Amino acid sequence: MATIDFPEDLIALEATAWEEIQAGALTVDTAAKVQERLTAFAADKGIDRHAAEMELKRVVRHGETEAAG
């Protein structure tokens, strides 16, 4: 998969969601914000939202920051 140049705000949102997940405290508000921003980003870039979400999770959860640009 080609790397995706995610904006910093989207990475930050996903990082917050991941922290909440690990703490067992993910809120609907946080999840909705991530999905809303991710959907808009994918539509703007003309890429598959699902593929973008999988890559974003990989970048945030596994520290693969080279995809962040």
Protein backbone atom coordinates (compact mmCIF):
# COMPACT_ATOMS: atom_id res chain seq x y z
CA MET A 1 0.00 0.00 0.00
CA ALA A 2 1.27 3.45 -0.85
CA THR A 3 1.81 5.70 2.10
CA ILE A 4 -0.77 8.37 2.71
CA ASP A 5 0.23 11.86 3.78
CA PHE A 6 -2.16 12.38 6.70
CA PRO A 7 -2.62 15.88 8.11
CA GLU A 8 -1.43 16.40 11.66
CA ASP A 9 -4.93 17.12 12.98
CA LEU A 10 -6.19 13.75 11.76
CA ILE A 11 -3.23 11.94 13.30
CA ALA A 12 -3.86 13.77 16.58
CA LEU A 13 -7.55 12.80 16.56
CA GLU A 14 -6.72 9.14 15.95
CA ALA A 15 -4.02 9.25 18.64
CA THR A 16 -6.59 10.56 21.13
CA ALA A 17 -9.00 7.79 20.14
CA TRP A 18 -6.26 5.16 20.53
CA GLU A 19 -5.37 6.48 23.99
CA GLU A 20 -9.04 6.33 24.99
CA ILE A 21 -9.36 2.80 23.61
CA GLN A 22 -6.35 1.64 25.61
CA ALA A 23 -7.82 3.21 28.75
CA GLY A 24 -11.21 1.59 28.09
CA ALA A 25 -12.77 5.03 27.82
CA LEU A 26 -13.41 5.72 24.12
CA THR A 27 -16.25 8.22 23.83
CA VAL A 28 -18.81 8.43 21.07
CA ASP A 29 -17.77 12.04 20.55
CA THR A 30 -14.12 11.13 19.95
CA ALA A 31 -15.00 8.26 17.62
CA ALA A 32 -17.41 10.45 15.66
CA LYS A 33 -14.81 13.22 15.26
CA VAL A 34 -12.26 10.75 13.89
CA GLN A 35 -14.73 9.25 11.46
CA GLU A 36 -16.01 12.63 10.29
CA ARG A 37 -12.51 13.99 9.67
CA LEU A 38 -11.29 10.75 8.09
CA THR A 39 -14.28 10.58 5.75
CA ALA A 40 -13.76 14.19 4.65
CA PHE A 41 -10.02 13.61 4.16
CA ALA A 42 -10.55 10.46 2.07
CA ALA A 43 -13.21 12.15 -0.08
CA ASP A 44 -10.97 15.18 -0.62
CA LYS A 45 -8.03 12.99 -1.67
CA GLY A 46 -10.18 10.60 -3.74
CA ILE A 47 -9.06 7.55 -1.79
CA ASP A 48 -10.99 4.67 -0.27
CA ARG A 49 -12.07 5.61 3.27
CA HIS A 50 -11.61 2.09 4.57
CA ALA A 51 -8.05 1.84 3.19
CA ALA A 52 -7.26 5.27 4.63
CA GLU A 53 -8.61 4.22 8.04
CA MET A 54 -6.50 1.05 8.09
CA GLU A 55 -3.38 3.04 7.18
CA LEU A 56 -4.14 5.73 9.76
CA LYS A 57 -4.53 3.12 12.49
CA ARG A 58 -1.22 1.52 11.44
CA VAL A 59 0.56 4.88 11.53
CA VAL A 60 -0.80 5.81 14.96
CA ARG A 61 -0.75 2.44 16.66
CA HIS A 62 2.57 1.20 15.35
CA GLY A 63 4.46 4.49 15.25
CA GLU A 64 5.07 4.48 11.52
CA THR A 65 5.37 8.23 11.36
CA GLU A 66 7.08 8.31 7.97
CA ALA A 67 3.57 8.07 6.49
CA ALA A 68 2.64 11.26 8.30
CA GLY A 69 4.99 13.31 6.13
